[in-house]
Amino acid sequence: MTTSTILWGGFILLVVIMLAVDLGMNRKSHRVSFKEALGWSILWVGLALAFNVGIYFVQGQQKALEFLTGYLIEKSLSVDNLFVFIMIFTVFGVRGELQARVLKWGILGALIMRVVFIFLGAELLERFQWLFYIFGAVLIYTAAKMAFGASEEMDPDKNLMVRLARKVLPMTRKIRGDWFFTRRLGLWVASPLFMVLLVVESSDLVFALDSIPAIFAITLDPFIVLTSNVFAIMGLRALYFLLAEVMGMFAYLKYGISFILAFVGIKMILIMLGVHIPIAISLGVIVLSLVVAIGLSLLANRMGYADGVSGETP
């Protein structure tokens, strides 16, 4: 049995077990407490770091650094998803216990999309290396838009998936219960909660177009790209409930995330010019960006300067 087979097998087994535990413990809709969210967040981060140690002993320091850097990129970019999730739930009036149900299935859908995108992206970049220029430019543009662009109001009527679903699915007017579909008078009808799920999935599709190219600037190894993505996404639901109430405290976080995006975009373009930034330096830049952004945010809150800096959603 090869080393690669052992790593893939261990990763798949771990994810299957954790998904079974997570889904089994959350079969009924309930409001996720701060304590529960903290416990799950610690568990997912701990598993990611333990897996990183495993990569270090099996594949060496370089691959371990690639995984850790990719994981931090995906984790930091996923925070931007949380701002959008808050906006979606506010617009649709989804209460806490139903938010957990939507995010549970939304993140499962996100995992499937990420797998497809990662293997497709890796294959494309191997065949057409000039795509590094395009992906790099997209990341730099996204970074500038995130940092300096005006926030946009969430309008479900402009969402393509929602418009298509409304044309083909009969729907109830209000959210009643935690179901997505039910049978009435012999017909299947959808709940507005299903529309919320569609918006969450479509928003993650957009974020995947940014975050996956970002990690390809670190490595083209599908195993590293996939595992770092999966570990970051699996902990997203717990992170949402951990930070949802205090998200407004991190006024400068979007600038830190946008700087990371711009740095990674420049790194992708430099690769094509024959300039390779070492992984250790990339990891240092990412960690420093997050630490500075969080530190400035907490300082601004303490001194009363945060209001109006970033009350908006990026």
C-alpha atoms as a PDB file:
ATOM      1  CA  MET A   1       0.000   0.000   0.000  1.00  0.00           C
ATOM      2  CA  THR A   2       1.468   3.363  -1.049  1.00  0.00           C
ATOM      3  CA  THR A   3       1.842   6.439   1.160  1.00  0.00           C
ATOM      4  CA  SER A   4      -0.626   8.315  -1.043  1.00  0.00           C
ATOM      5  CA  THR A   5      -3.237   5.569  -0.605  1.00  0.00           C
ATOM      6  CA  ILE A   6      -2.803   5.640   3.181  1.00  0.00           C
ATOM      7  CA  LEU A   7      -3.248   9.425   3.299  1.00  0.00           C
ATOM      8  CA  TRP A   8      -6.293   9.424   1.040  1.00  0.00           C
ATOM      9  CA  GLY A   9      -7.839   6.537   2.949  1.00  0.00           C
ATOM     10  CA  GLY A  10      -7.225   8.141   6.327  1.00  0.00           C
ATOM     11  CA  PHE A  11      -8.624  11.475   5.170  1.00  0.00           C
ATOM     12  CA  ILE A  12     -11.783   9.969   3.644  1.00  0.00           C
ATOM     13  CA  LEU A  13     -12.400   7.773   6.703  1.00  0.00           C
ATOM     14  CA  LEU A  14     -11.967  10.750   9.057  1.00  0.00           C
ATOM     15  CA  VAL A  15     -14.356  12.965   7.080  1.00  0.00           C
ATOM     16  CA  VAL A  16     -16.990  10.210   6.818  1.00  0.00           C
ATOM     17  CA  ILE A  17     -16.847   9.567  10.573  1.00  0.00           C
ATOM     18  CA  MET A  18     -17.045  13.267  11.448  1.00  0.00           C
ATOM     19  CA  LEU A  19     -19.890  13.885   9.011  1.00  0.00           C
ATOM     20  CA  ALA A  20     -21.799  10.955  10.507  1.00  0.00           C
ATOM     21  CA  VAL A  21     -21.231  12.271  14.040  1.00  0.00           C
ATOM     22  CA  ASP A  22     -22.070  15.854  13.087  1.00  0.00           C
ATOM     23  CA  LEU A  23     -25.230  14.961  11.158  1.00  0.00           C
ATOM     24  CA  GLY A  24     -26.286  12.423  13.762  1.00  0.00           C
ATOM     25  CA  MET A  25     -26.005  14.911  16.610  1.00  0.00           C
ATOM     26  CA  ASN A  26     -27.829  17.599  14.656  1.00  0.00           C
ATOM     27  CA  ARG A  27     -30.765  15.695  13.199  1.00  0.00           C
ATOM     28  CA  LYS A  28     -33.255  17.949  14.978  1.00  0.00           C
ATOM     29  CA  SER A  29     -33.274  21.699  14.442  1.00  0.00           C
ATOM     30  CA  HIS A  30     -32.025  23.521  17.509  1.00  0.00           C
ATOM     31  CA  ARG A  31     -30.401  26.813  18.411  1.00  0.00           C
ATOM     32  CA  VAL A  32     -26.652  26.305  18.571  1.00  0.00           C
ATOM     33  CA  SER A  33     -25.264  27.759  21.791  1.00  0.00           C
ATOM     34  CA  PHE A  34     -21.952  29.582  22.057  1.00  0.00           C
ATOM     35  CA  LYS A  35     -20.572  26.706  24.145  1.00  0.00           C
ATOM     36  CA  GLU A  36     -21.569  24.108  21.537  1.00  0.00           C
ATOM     37  CA  ALA A  37     -20.155  26.208  18.692  1.00  0.00           C
ATOM     38  CA  LEU A  38     -16.903  26.695  20.607  1.00  0.00           C
ATOM     39  CA  GLY A  39     -16.595  22.960  21.230  1.00  0.00           C
ATOM     40  CA  TRP A  40     -17.121  22.061  17.574  1.00  0.00           C
ATOM     41  CA  SER A  41     -14.750  24.832  16.430  1.00  0.00           C
ATOM     42  CA  ILE A  42     -11.990  23.567  18.722  1.00  0.00           C
ATOM     43  CA  LEU A  43     -12.614  20.008  17.499  1.00  0.00           C
ATOM     44  CA  TRP A  44     -12.404  20.911  13.798  1.00  0.00           C
ATOM     45  CA  VAL A  45      -9.312  23.091  14.215  1.00  0.00           C
ATOM     46  CA  GLY A  46      -7.705  20.378  16.341  1.00  0.00           C
ATOM     47  CA  LEU A  47      -8.411  17.725  13.713  1.00  0.00           C
ATOM     48  CA  ALA A  48      -6.983  19.948  10.968  1.00  0.00           C
ATOM     49  CA  LEU A  49      -3.789  20.538  12.958  1.00  0.00           C
ATOM     50  CA  ALA A  50      -3.507  16.837  13.832  1.00  0.00           C
ATOM     51  CA  PHE A  51      -3.910  15.971  10.141  1.00  0.00           C
ATOM     52  CA  ASN A  52      -1.240  18.568   9.356  1.00  0.00           C
ATOM     53  CA  VAL A  53       1.134  16.816  11.762  1.00  0.00           C
ATOM     54  CA  GLY A  54       0.353  13.541   9.999  1.00  0.00           C
ATOM     55  CA  ILE A  55       1.265  15.097   6.645  1.00  0.00           C
ATOM     56  CA  TYR A  56       4.530  16.337   8.162  1.00  0.00           C
ATOM     57  CA  PHE A  57       5.594  12.850   9.254  1.00  0.00           C
ATOM     58  CA  VAL A  58       4.400  11.111   6.082  1.00  0.00           C
ATOM     59  CA  GLN A  59       5.167  13.633   3.322  1.00  0.00           C
ATOM     60  CA  GLY A  60       7.625  16.040   4.924  1.00  0.00           C
ATOM     61  CA  GLN A  61       7.900  19.678   5.950  1.00  0.00           C
ATOM     62  CA  GLN A  62       7.153  21.231   2.539  1.00  0.00           C
ATOM     63  CA  LYS A  63       3.787  19.504   2.143  1.00  0.00           C
ATOM     64  CA  ALA A  64       2.912  20.254   5.766  1.00  0.00           C
ATOM     65  CA  LEU A  65       3.613  23.967   5.186  1.00  0.00           C
ATOM     66  CA  GLU A  66       1.515  23.887   2.015  1.00  0.00           C
ATOM     67  CA  PHE A  67      -1.418  22.353   3.894  1.00  0.00           C
ATOM     68  CA  LEU A  68      -1.192  24.829   6.784  1.00  0.00           C
ATOM     69  CA  THR A  69      -0.916  27.822   4.442  1.00  0.00           C
ATOM     70  CA  GLY A  70      -3.823  26.598   2.316  1.00  0.00           C
ATOM     71  CA  TYR A  71      -5.914  25.907   5.401  1.00  0.00           C
ATOM     72  CA  LEU A  72      -5.327  29.418   6.769  1.00  0.00           C
ATOM     73  CA  ILE A  73      -6.172  30.972   3.401  1.00  0.00           C
ATOM     74  CA  GLU A  74      -9.421  29.030   3.126  1.00  0.00           C
ATOM     75  CA  LYS A  75     -10.319  29.634   6.779  1.00  0.00           C
ATOM     76  CA  SER A  76      -9.747  33.378   6.539  1.00  0.00           C
ATOM     77  CA  LEU A  77     -11.632  33.686   3.258  1.00  0.00           C
ATOM     78  CA  SER A  78     -14.515  31.677   4.727  1.00  0.00           C
ATOM     79  CA  VAL A  79     -15.055  34.488   7.246  1.00  0.00           C
ATOM     80  CA  ASP A  80     -16.310  36.564   4.321  1.00  0.00           C
ATOM     81  CA  ASN A  81     -18.966  33.887   3.771  1.00  0.00           C
ATOM     82  CA  LEU A  82     -20.181  34.465   7.319  1.00  0.00           C
ATOM     83  CA  PHE A  83     -21.002  38.111   6.627  1.00  0.00           C
ATOM     84  CA  VAL A  84     -23.125  37.022   3.679  1.00  0.00           C
ATOM     85  CA  PHE A  85     -24.834  34.251   5.663  1.00  0.00           C
ATOM     86  CA  ILE A  86     -25.846  36.798   8.305  1.00  0.00           C
ATOM     87  CA  MET A  87     -27.317  39.028   5.590  1.00  0.00           C
ATOM     88  CA  ILE A  88     -29.201  36.131   3.963  1.00  0.00           C
ATOM     89  CA  PHE A  89     -30.781  34.986   7.221  1.00  0.00           C
ATOM     90  CA  THR A  90     -31.729  38.561   8.122  1.00  0.00           C
ATOM     91  CA  VAL A  91     -33.416  39.202   4.766  1.00  0.00           C
ATOM     92  CA  PHE A  92     -35.417  35.959   4.906  1.00  0.00           C
ATOM     93  CA  GLY A  93     -36.142  36.223   8.642  1.00  0.00           C
ATOM     94  CA  VAL A  94     -34.663  32.808   9.468  1.00  0.00           C
ATOM     95  CA  ARG A  95     -34.431  32.199  13.211  1.00  0.00           C
ATOM     96  CA  GLY A  96     -31.487  30.575  14.980  1.00  0.00           C
ATOM     97  CA  GLU A  97     -32.549  26.925  15.078  1.00  0.00           C
ATOM     98  CA  LEU A  98     -33.408  26.967  11.372  1.00  0.00           C
ATOM     99  CA  GLN A  99     -30.116  28.653  10.503  1.00  0.00           C
ATOM    100  CA  ALA A 100     -28.309  25.555  11.778  1.00  0.00           C
ATOM    101  CA  ARG A 101     -30.401  23.303   9.520  1.00  0.00           C
ATOM    102  CA  VAL A 102     -29.803  25.437   6.417  1.00  0.00           C
ATOM    103  CA  LEU A 103     -26.066  25.645   7.077  1.00  0.00           C
ATOM    104  CA  LYS A 104     -25.836  21.885   7.661  1.00  0.00           C
ATOM    105  CA  TRP A 105     -27.143  21.049   4.200  1.00  0.00           C
ATOM    106  CA  GLY A 106     -25.591  24.116   2.609  1.00  0.00           C
ATOM    107  CA  ILE A 107     -22.114  23.076   3.722  1.00  0.00           C
ATOM    108  CA  LEU A 108     -22.652  19.526   2.450  1.00  0.00           C
ATOM    109  CA  GLY A 109     -23.494  21.009  -0.948  1.00  0.00           C
ATOM    110  CA  ALA A 110     -20.434  23.263  -0.705  1.00  0.00           C
ATOM    111  CA  LEU A 111     -18.193  20.244  -0.097  1.00  0.00           C
ATOM    112  CA  ILE A 112     -19.443  18.558  -3.269  1.00  0.00           C
ATOM    113  CA  MET A 113     -18.937  21.738  -5.318  1.00  0.00           C
ATOM    114  CA  ARG A 114     -15.416  22.209  -3.947  1.00  0.00           C
ATOM    115  CA  VAL A 115     -14.397  18.653  -4.905  1.00  0.00           C
ATOM    116  CA  VAL A 116     -15.554  19.204  -8.495  1.00  0.00           C
ATOM    117  CA  PHE A 117     -13.920  22.638  -8.767  1.00  0.00           C
ATOM    118  CA  ILE A 118     -10.623  21.509  -7.269  1.00  0.00           C
ATOM    119  CA  PHE A 119     -10.042  18.556  -9.585  1.00  0.00           C
ATOM    120  CA  LEU A 120     -11.249  20.536 -12.589  1.00  0.00           C
ATOM    121  CA  GLY A 121      -9.083  23.535 -11.658  1.00  0.00           C
ATOM    122  CA  ALA A 122      -5.983  21.424 -11.044  1.00  0.00           C
ATOM    123  CA  GLU A 123      -6.377  19.747 -14.421  1.00  0.00           C
ATOM    124  CA  LEU A 124      -6.889  23.077 -16.223  1.00  0.00           C
ATOM    125  CA  LEU A 125      -3.870  24.718 -14.586  1.00  0.00           C
ATOM    126  CA  GLU A 126      -1.682  21.714 -15.440  1.00  0.00           C
ATOM    127  CA  ARG A 127      -2.741  21.937 -19.090  1.00  0.00           C
ATOM    128  CA  PHE A 128      -3.055  25.717 -19.509  1.00  0.00           C
ATOM    129  CA  GLN A 129      -0.599  27.483 -17.247  1.00  0.00           C
ATOM    130  CA  TRP A 130      -1.520  30.916 -18.677  1.00  0.00           C
ATOM    131  CA  LEU A 131      -4.656  30.635 -16.534  1.00  0.00           C
ATOM    132  CA  PHE A 132      -2.441  31.703 -13.615  1.00  0.00           C
ATOM    133  CA  TYR A 133      -2.520  35.217 -15.101  1.00  0.00           C
ATOM    134  CA  ILE A 134      -6.328  35.188 -15.273  1.00  0.00           C
ATOM    135  CA  PHE A 135      -6.835  33.754 -11.791  1.00  0.00           C
ATOM    136  CA  GLY A 136      -4.281  36.181 -10.358  1.00  0.00           C
ATOM    137  CA  ALA A 137      -6.006  39.159 -11.951  1.00  0.00           C
ATOM    138  CA  VAL A 138      -9.408  37.967 -10.693  1.00  0.00           C
ATOM    139  CA  LEU A 139      -8.084  37.698  -7.139  1.00  0.00           C
ATOM    140  CA  ILE A 140      -6.550  41.194  -7.255  1.00  0.00           C
ATOM    141  CA  TYR A 141      -9.821  42.623  -8.623  1.00  0.00           C
ATOM    142  CA  THR A 142     -11.826  40.828  -5.928  1.00  0.00           C
ATOM    143  CA  ALA A 143      -9.469  42.150  -3.254  1.00  0.00           C
ATOM    144  CA  ALA A 144      -9.896  45.736  -4.463  1.00  0.00           C
ATOM    145  CA  LYS A 145     -13.668  45.349  -4.637  1.00  0.00           C
ATOM    146  CA  MET A 146     -13.796  43.877  -1.130  1.00  0.00           C
ATOM    147  CA  ALA A 147     -11.648  46.633   0.359  1.00  0.00           C
ATOM    148  CA  PHE A 148     -12.994  49.684  -1.458  1.00  0.00           C
ATOM    149  CA  GLY A 149     -16.307  48.699  -3.058  1.00  0.00           C
ATOM    150  CA  ALA A 150     -19.657  49.699  -1.609  1.00  0.00           C
ATOM    151  CA  SER A 151     -21.664  47.021   0.153  1.00  0.00           C
ATOM    152  CA  GLU A 152     -24.600  45.549  -1.769  1.00  0.00           C
ATOM    153  CA  GLU A 153     -28.014  44.833  -0.344  1.00  0.00           C
ATOM    154  CA  MET A 154     -29.191  41.241  -0.551  1.00  0.00           C
ATOM    155  CA  ASP A 155     -32.117  40.935  -3.003  1.00  0.00           C
ATOM    156  CA  PRO A 156     -33.421  37.348  -3.361  1.00  0.00           C
ATOM    157  CA  ASP A 157     -35.428  38.316  -6.458  1.00  0.00           C
ATOM    158  CA  LYS A 158     -32.141  38.918  -8.337  1.00  0.00           C
ATOM    159  CA  ASN A 159     -30.779  35.472  -7.537  1.00  0.00           C
ATOM    160  CA  LEU A 160     -30.897  33.266 -10.649  1.00  0.00           C
ATOM    161  CA  MET A 161     -31.371  29.988  -8.742  1.00  0.00           C
ATOM    162  CA  VAL A 162     -34.259  31.458  -6.738  1.00  0.00           C
ATOM    163  CA  ARG A 163     -35.973  32.819  -9.866  1.00  0.00           C
ATOM    164  CA  LEU A 164     -35.705  29.457 -11.629  1.00  0.00           C
ATOM    165  CA  ALA A 165     -36.966  27.551  -8.581  1.00  0.00           C
ATOM    166  CA  ARG A 166     -39.986  29.825  -8.215  1.00  0.00           C
ATOM    167  CA  LYS A 167     -40.952  29.145 -11.822  1.00  0.00           C
ATOM    168  CA  VAL A 168     -41.032  25.372 -11.422  1.00  0.00           C
ATOM    169  CA  LEU A 169     -41.894  24.827  -7.739  1.00  0.00           C
ATOM    170  CA  PRO A 170     -45.123  25.688  -5.930  1.00  0.00           C
ATOM    171  CA  MET A 171     -44.201  27.376  -2.674  1.00  0.00           C
ATOM    172  CA  THR A 172     -45.756  28.277   0.655  1.00  0.00           C
ATOM    173  CA  ARG A 173     -45.803  31.948   1.650  1.00  0.00           C
ATOM    174  CA  LYS A 174     -44.193  31.550   5.057  1.00  0.00           C
ATOM    175  CA  ILE A 175     -41.649  29.295   6.740  1.00  0.00           C
ATOM    176  CA  ARG A 176     -43.552  26.737   8.799  1.00  0.00           C
ATOM    177  CA  GLY A 177     -41.497  24.095  10.529  1.00  0.00           C
ATOM    178  CA  ASP A 178     -37.989  23.022   9.550  1.00  0.00           C
ATOM    179  CA  TRP A 179     -38.851  21.177   6.337  1.00  0.00           C
ATOM    180  CA  PHE A 180     -37.697  22.110   2.834  1.00  0.00           C
ATOM    181  CA  PHE A 181     -40.467  20.187   1.022  1.00  0.00           C
ATOM    182  CA  THR A 182     -43.821  18.719   1.997  1.00  0.00           C
ATOM    183  CA  ARG A 183     -46.788  17.116   0.257  1.00  0.00           C
ATOM    184  CA  ARG A 184     -50.082  18.997   0.073  1.00  0.00           C
ATOM    185  CA  LEU A 185     -53.149  17.911  -1.892  1.00  0.00           C
ATOM    186  CA  GLY A 186     -51.034  15.341  -3.688  1.00  0.00           C
ATOM    187  CA  LEU A 187     -48.395  17.896  -4.778  1.00  0.00           C
ATOM    188  CA  TRP A 188     -44.898  18.582  -3.560  1.00  0.00           C
ATOM    189  CA  VAL A 189     -44.520  22.172  -2.371  1.00  0.00           C
ATOM    190  CA  ALA A 190     -41.379  23.994  -1.254  1.00  0.00           C
ATOM    191  CA  SER A 191     -40.866  26.106   1.832  1.00  0.00           C
ATOM    192  CA  PRO A 192     -39.170  29.527   1.613  1.00  0.00           C
ATOM    193  CA  LEU A 193     -36.506  27.775   3.698  1.00  0.00           C
ATOM    194  CA  PHE A 194     -35.532  25.916   0.522  1.00  0.00           C
ATOM    195  CA  MET A 195     -35.047  29.286  -1.187  1.00  0.00           C
ATOM    196  CA  VAL A 196     -32.715  30.275   1.639  1.00  0.00           C
ATOM    197  CA  LEU A 197     -30.714  27.084   1.043  1.00  0.00           C
ATOM    198  CA  LEU A 198     -30.461  27.914  -2.668  1.00  0.00           C
ATOM    199  CA  VAL A 199     -29.157  31.411  -1.910  1.00  0.00           C
ATOM    200  CA  VAL A 200     -26.600  30.007   0.546  1.00  0.00           C
ATOM    201  CA  GLU A 201     -25.422  27.478  -2.058  1.00  0.00           C
ATOM    202  CA  SER A 202     -25.189  30.084  -4.815  1.00  0.00           C
ATOM    203  CA  SER A 203     -23.242  32.459  -2.562  1.00  0.00           C
ATOM    204  CA  ASP A 204     -20.770  29.682  -1.749  1.00  0.00           C
ATOM    205  CA  LEU A 205     -20.427  29.014  -5.472  1.00  0.00           C
ATOM    206  CA  VAL A 206     -19.283  32.619  -5.917  1.00  0.00           C
ATOM    207  CA  PHE A 207     -16.859  32.399  -2.993  1.00  0.00           C
ATOM    208  CA  ALA A 208     -15.434  29.140  -4.312  1.00  0.00           C
ATOM    209  CA  LEU A 209     -14.438  30.947  -7.507  1.00  0.00           C
ATOM    210  CA  ASP A 210     -12.213  33.185  -5.357  1.00  0.00           C
ATOM    211  CA  SER A 211     -10.927  30.847  -2.675  1.00  0.00           C
ATOM    212  CA  ILE A 212      -9.976  27.841  -4.803  1.00  0.00           C
ATOM    213  CA  PRO A 213      -7.749  29.805  -7.238  1.00  0.00           C
ATOM    214  CA  ALA A 214      -6.127  31.365  -4.161  1.00  0.00           C
ATOM    215  CA  ILE A 215      -4.881  28.037  -2.847  1.00  0.00           C
ATOM    216  CA  PHE A 216      -3.617  27.024  -6.301  1.00  0.00           C
ATOM    217  CA  ALA A 217      -1.048  29.792  -5.825  1.00  0.00           C
ATOM    218  CA  ILE A 218       0.330  27.692  -2.963  1.00  0.00           C
ATOM    219  CA  THR A 219       0.238  24.226  -4.534  1.00  0.00           C
ATOM    220  CA  LEU A 220      -1.235  22.260  -7.430  1.00  0.00           C
ATOM    221  CA  ASP A 221      -1.270  19.031  -5.414  1.00  0.00           C
ATOM    222  CA  PRO A 222      -4.963  17.977  -5.466  1.00  0.00           C
ATOM    223  CA  PHE A 223      -4.589  16.178  -2.131  1.00  0.00           C
ATOM    224  CA  ILE A 224      -3.327  19.287  -0.307  1.00  0.00           C
ATOM    225  CA  VAL A 225      -5.827  21.576  -2.009  1.00  0.00           C
ATOM    226  CA  LEU A 226      -8.785  19.292  -1.293  1.00  0.00           C
ATOM    227  CA  THR A 227      -7.938  18.411   2.304  1.00  0.00           C
ATOM    228  CA  SER A 228      -7.239  22.012   3.352  1.00  0.00           C
ATOM    229  CA  ASN A 229     -10.510  23.110   1.730  1.00  0.00           C
ATOM    230  CA  VAL A 230     -12.559  20.362   3.336  1.00  0.00           C
ATOM    231  CA  PHE A 231     -11.207  20.980   6.839  1.00  0.00           C
ATOM    232  CA  ALA A 232     -11.872  24.724   6.480  1.00  0.00           C
ATOM    233  CA  ILE A 233     -15.420  24.188   5.172  1.00  0.00           C
ATOM    234  CA  MET A 234     -16.350  21.500   7.702  1.00  0.00           C
ATOM    235  CA  GLY A 235     -15.770  23.937  10.551  1.00  0.00           C
ATOM    236  CA  LEU A 236     -17.661  26.783   8.910  1.00  0.00           C
ATOM    237  CA  ARG A 237     -21.052  26.138  10.555  1.00  0.00           C
ATOM    238  CA  ALA A 238     -19.572  26.095  14.054  1.00  0.00           C
ATOM    239  CA  LEU A 239     -17.522  29.211  13.247  1.00  0.00           C
ATOM    240  CA  TYR A 240     -20.685  31.004  12.123  1.00  0.00           C
ATOM    241  CA  PHE A 241     -22.459  30.477  15.449  1.00  0.00           C
ATOM    242  CA  LEU A 242     -19.261  31.264  17.330  1.00  0.00           C
ATOM    243  CA  LEU A 243     -18.788  34.650  15.641  1.00  0.00           C
ATOM    244  CA  ALA A 244     -22.275  35.691  14.478  1.00  0.00           C
ATOM    245  CA  GLU A 245     -22.977  37.827  17.529  1.00  0.00           C
ATOM    246  CA  VAL A 246     -19.577  39.543  17.569  1.00  0.00           C
ATOM    247  CA  MET A 247     -18.891  39.918  13.838  1.00  0.00           C
ATOM    248  CA  GLY A 248     -19.332  43.676  14.077  1.00  0.00           C
ATOM    249  CA  MET A 249     -16.329  43.865  16.406  1.00  0.00           C
ATOM    250  CA  PHE A 250     -13.910  42.997  13.590  1.00  0.00           C
ATOM    251  CA  ALA A 251     -14.107  46.282  11.723  1.00  0.00           C
ATOM    252  CA  TYR A 252     -10.818  45.919   9.853  1.00  0.00           C
ATOM    253  CA  LEU A 253     -10.971  42.190   9.137  1.00  0.00           C
ATOM    254  CA  LYS A 254     -12.200  42.639   5.577  1.00  0.00           C
ATOM    255  CA  TYR A 255      -9.094  44.706   4.819  1.00  0.00           C
ATOM    256  CA  GLY A 256      -6.867  41.949   6.144  1.00  0.00           C
ATOM    257  CA  ILE A 257      -8.709  39.368   4.021  1.00  0.00           C
ATOM    258  CA  SER A 258      -8.566  41.596   0.929  1.00  0.00           C
ATOM    259  CA  PHE A 259      -4.804  42.060   1.452  1.00  0.00           C
ATOM    260  CA  ILE A 260      -4.397  38.270   1.567  1.00  0.00           C
ATOM    261  CA  LEU A 261      -6.364  37.921  -1.676  1.00  0.00           C
ATOM    262  CA  ALA A 262      -4.256  40.596  -3.382  1.00  0.00           C
ATOM    263  CA  PHE A 263      -1.023  39.003  -2.136  1.00  0.00           C
ATOM    264  CA  VAL A 264      -2.057  35.580  -3.427  1.00  0.00           C
ATOM    265  CA  GLY A 265      -3.148  37.094  -6.771  1.00  0.00           C
ATOM    266  CA  ILE A 266       0.244  38.768  -7.183  1.00  0.00           C
ATOM    267  CA  LYS A 267       1.940  35.510  -6.187  1.00  0.00           C
ATOM    268  CA  MET A 268       0.080  33.663  -8.981  1.00  0.00           C
ATOM    269  CA  ILE A 269       1.227  36.196 -11.585  1.00  0.00           C
ATOM    270  CA  LEU A 270       4.811  36.112 -10.283  1.00  0.00           C
ATOM    271  CA  ILE A 271       4.840  32.322 -10.683  1.00  0.00           C
ATOM    272  CA  MET A 272       4.379  32.784 -14.413  1.00  0.00           C
ATOM    273  CA  LEU A 273       7.226  35.314 -14.432  1.00  0.00           C
ATOM    274  CA  GLY A 274       9.562  32.817 -12.824  1.00  0.00           C
ATOM    275  CA  VAL A 275       9.470  34.352  -9.339  1.00  0.00           C
ATOM    276  CA  HIS A 276       8.522  31.906  -6.579  1.00  0.00           C
ATOM    277  CA  ILE A 277       7.770  33.204  -3.083  1.00  0.00           C
ATOM    278  CA  PRO A 278       8.680  30.511  -0.517  1.00  0.00           C
ATOM    279  CA  ILE A 279       5.764  28.888   1.320  1.00  0.00           C
ATOM    280  CA  ALA A 280       7.144  29.949   4.700  1.00  0.00           C
ATOM    281  CA  ILE A 281       7.059  33.620   3.628  1.00  0.00           C
ATOM    282  CA  SER A 282       3.508  33.250   2.272  1.00  0.00           C
ATOM    283  CA  LEU A 283       2.418  31.677   5.567  1.00  0.00           C
ATOM    284  CA  GLY A 284       4.014  34.523   7.506  1.00  0.00           C
ATOM    285  CA  VAL A 285       2.299  37.179   5.387  1.00  0.00           C
ATOM    286  CA  ILE A 286      -1.108  35.527   5.858  1.00  0.00           C
ATOM    287  CA  VAL A 287      -0.734  35.123   9.633  1.00  0.00           C
ATOM    288  CA  LEU A 288       0.590  38.671  10.049  1.00  0.00           C
ATOM    289  CA  SER A 289      -2.267  40.119   7.956  1.00  0.00           C
ATOM    290  CA  LEU A 290      -4.877  38.408  10.114  1.00  0.00           C
ATOM    291  CA  VAL A 291      -3.183  39.317  13.384  1.00  0.00           C
ATOM    292  CA  VAL A 292      -2.856  42.995  12.405  1.00  0.00           C
ATOM    293  CA  ALA A 293      -6.458  43.197  11.131  1.00  0.00           C
ATOM    294  CA  ILE A 294      -7.898  41.566  14.250  1.00  0.00           C
ATOM    295  CA  GLY A 295      -5.649  43.596  16.548  1.00  0.00           C
ATOM    296  CA  LEU A 296      -6.608  46.913  14.922  1.00  0.00           C
ATOM    297  CA  SER A 297     -10.292  45.914  15.061  1.00  0.00           C
ATOM    298  CA  LEU A 298     -10.170  45.160  18.782  1.00  0.00           C
ATOM    299  CA  LEU A 299      -8.220  48.365  19.428  1.00  0.00           C
ATOM    300  CA  ALA A 300     -10.755  50.398  17.434  1.00  0.00           C
ATOM    301  CA  ASN A 301     -13.614  48.869  19.413  1.00  0.00           C
ATOM    302  CA  ARG A 302     -11.883  49.594  22.696  1.00  0.00           C
ATOM    303  CA  MET A 303     -11.294  53.231  21.718  1.00  0.00           C
ATOM    304  CA  GLY A 304     -14.758  53.645  20.195  1.00  0.00           C
ATOM    305  CA  TYR A 305     -13.627  54.154  16.588  1.00  0.00           C
ATOM    306  CA  ALA A 306     -15.166  51.031  15.027  1.00  0.00           C
ATOM    307  CA  ASP A 307     -18.608  52.490  14.306  1.00  0.00           C
ATOM    308  CA  GLY A 308     -18.819  53.395  10.690  1.00  0.00           C
ATOM    309  CA  VAL A 309     -15.499  51.768   9.766  1.00  0.00           C
ATOM    310  CA  SER A 310     -16.910  48.417   8.774  1.00  0.00           C
ATOM    311  CA  GLY A 311     -20.440  48.028   9.898  1.00  0.00           C
ATOM    312  CA  GLU A 312     -21.132  47.063   6.340  1.00  0.00           C
ATOM    313  CA  THR A 313     -20.854  43.630   4.900  1.00  0.00           C
ATOM    314  CA  PRO A 314     -18.001  43.284   2.413  1.00  0.00           C
END
